[in-house]
Amino acid sequence: MHSFKKCPNCFEIWATRDEFISDSQIELNGYKTDFEKLEYGLFFFTHKKSGCGSTMALEVTNFKDLYSGTIYSERKTDTEVCPRYCFEKEQLDRCEALCECAFVREIIQIIKRKKSI
């Protein structure tokens, strides 16, 4: 049987991505950019289950299909319009720059919205 993710600490299994995202004990708390291949960047999720506390890293590629908007071709990193969010692991805000990296920040917002449903 194939599952979406298994916690490396307590071995809890989430069968699907939606099950994982909607779990109230899963918290998205970081993002590490891979500037070479944006889809290989890492989202960090912490399992807040009592007695666990494991942090799991999942590649952006696991969530890329959640976003159907524009993906810009030009990178604005380190320009005057760049707020440098991609350099801060805990910074999960939306980026207003029309940058190649912005779609990942939109995926973060989609995940956060799904968690609040």
Protein backbone atom coordinates (compact mmCIF):
# COMPACT_ATOMS: atom_id res chain seq x y z
CA MET A 1 0.00 0.00 0.00
CA HIS A 2 1.34 3.41 -1.00
CA SER A 3 0.90 6.30 1.43
CA PHE A 4 1.64 10.01 1.13
CA LYS A 5 3.86 10.37 4.21
CA LYS A 6 4.98 8.47 7.27
CA CYS A 7 6.25 10.25 10.36
CA PRO A 8 9.88 9.21 10.95
CA ASN A 9 9.47 9.50 14.73
CA CYS A 10 6.06 8.08 15.73
CA PHE A 11 5.38 6.25 12.43
CA GLU A 12 1.91 7.73 11.94
CA ILE A 13 0.86 7.34 8.31
CA TRP A 14 -1.11 9.77 6.17
CA ALA A 15 -2.63 7.99 3.20
CA THR A 16 -3.16 11.12 1.10
CA ARG A 17 -1.79 14.61 0.81
CA ASP A 18 -5.17 16.08 1.76
CA GLU A 19 -5.24 13.96 4.90
CA PHE A 20 -1.74 15.19 5.75
CA ILE A 21 -2.51 18.87 5.11
CA SER A 22 -5.81 18.81 7.00
CA ASP A 23 -4.37 17.08 10.08
CA SER A 24 -4.63 19.63 12.91
CA GLN A 25 -1.43 18.21 14.42
CA ILE A 26 0.62 19.04 11.30
CA GLU A 27 2.03 22.56 11.17
CA LEU A 28 3.75 24.12 8.15
CA ASN A 29 6.54 26.13 9.70
CA GLY A 30 9.27 26.58 7.13
CA TYR A 31 10.43 26.69 3.55
CA LYS A 32 13.96 26.34 2.19
CA THR A 33 14.38 27.57 -1.37
CA ASP A 34 16.31 25.58 -3.95
CA PHE A 35 17.25 28.34 -6.37
CA GLU A 36 18.55 25.85 -8.96
CA LYS A 37 15.31 23.84 -9.17
CA LEU A 38 12.44 25.56 -7.36
CA GLU A 39 10.32 22.39 -7.30
CA TYR A 40 13.04 20.74 -5.18
CA GLY A 41 12.76 23.36 -2.45
CA LEU A 42 11.63 21.98 0.89
CA PHE A 43 8.55 22.65 2.98
CA PHE A 44 9.03 21.87 6.67
CA PHE A 45 6.12 20.43 8.60
CA THR A 46 6.18 19.67 12.33
CA HIS A 47 4.09 16.87 13.76
CA LYS A 48 2.65 18.45 16.92
CA LYS A 49 1.27 15.15 18.23
CA SER A 50 1.95 14.69 21.93
CA GLY A 51 5.19 12.77 22.35
CA CYS A 52 6.30 13.28 18.75
CA GLY A 53 7.43 16.74 17.57
CA SER A 54 9.19 15.43 14.47
CA THR A 55 9.87 17.83 11.62
CA MET A 56 9.40 16.43 8.14
CA ALA A 57 10.73 17.95 4.92
CA LEU A 58 8.72 17.50 1.74
CA GLU A 59 9.69 18.80 -1.68
CA VAL A 60 7.64 21.53 -3.33
CA THR A 61 7.01 19.09 -6.19
CA ASN A 62 4.63 17.18 -3.86
CA PHE A 63 2.37 20.26 -3.78
CA LYS A 64 3.03 21.97 -7.11
CA ASP A 65 -0.28 20.84 -8.64
CA LEU A 66 -2.21 22.80 -5.98
CA TYR A 67 -1.26 25.99 -7.84
CA SER A 68 -2.75 26.76 -11.23
CA GLY A 69 -1.85 30.44 -11.56
CA THR A 70 0.91 32.25 -13.38
CA ILE A 71 4.48 31.07 -12.99
CA TYR A 72 6.75 33.94 -13.96
CA SER A 73 9.86 33.20 -15.98
CA GLU A 74 12.07 35.95 -14.59
CA ARG A 75 13.72 35.73 -11.20
CA LYS A 76 13.65 38.98 -9.17
CA THR A 77 15.86 37.71 -6.34
CA ASP A 78 18.05 40.45 -4.88
CA THR A 79 16.42 43.21 -6.93
CA GLU A 80 14.72 46.29 -5.48
CA VAL A 81 11.31 44.54 -5.62
CA CYS A 82 12.51 41.45 -3.71
CA PRO A 83 11.56 41.34 -0.01
CA ARG A 84 14.10 38.47 0.47
CA TYR A 85 11.49 36.10 1.93
CA CYS A 86 13.10 33.15 0.17
CA PHE A 87 16.22 33.61 2.29
CA GLU A 88 14.35 33.25 5.60
CA LYS A 89 13.23 29.70 6.38
CA GLU A 90 10.44 30.75 8.77
CA GLN A 91 9.07 33.50 6.50
CA LEU A 92 5.89 32.10 4.95
CA ASP A 93 4.18 35.29 3.76
CA ARG A 94 2.97 35.88 0.22
CA CYS A 95 5.47 37.67 -1.99
CA GLU A 96 4.16 40.51 -4.16
CA ALA A 97 7.13 40.44 -6.56
CA LEU A 98 6.32 39.12 -10.05
CA CYS A 99 9.14 36.62 -9.65
CA GLU A 100 9.80 33.06 -10.75
CA CYS A 101 9.87 32.08 -7.05
CA ALA A 102 6.45 33.61 -6.22
CA PHE A 103 4.44 30.49 -7.14
CA VAL A 104 5.95 28.62 -4.18
CA ARG A 105 4.81 31.37 -1.82
CA GLU A 106 1.32 30.97 -3.32
CA ILE A 107 1.42 27.22 -2.63
CA ILE A 108 2.24 28.05 1.00
CA GLN A 109 -0.89 30.24 1.14
CA ILE A 110 -3.01 27.43 -0.37
CA ILE A 111 -1.72 24.96 2.24
CA LYS A 112 -2.41 27.48 5.03
CA ARG A 113 -5.97 28.02 3.73
CA LYS A 114 -6.59 24.27 3.58
CA LYS A 115 -5.42 23.98 7.19
CA SER A 116 -7.97 26.58 8.31
CA ILE A 117 -10.94 24.82 6.70
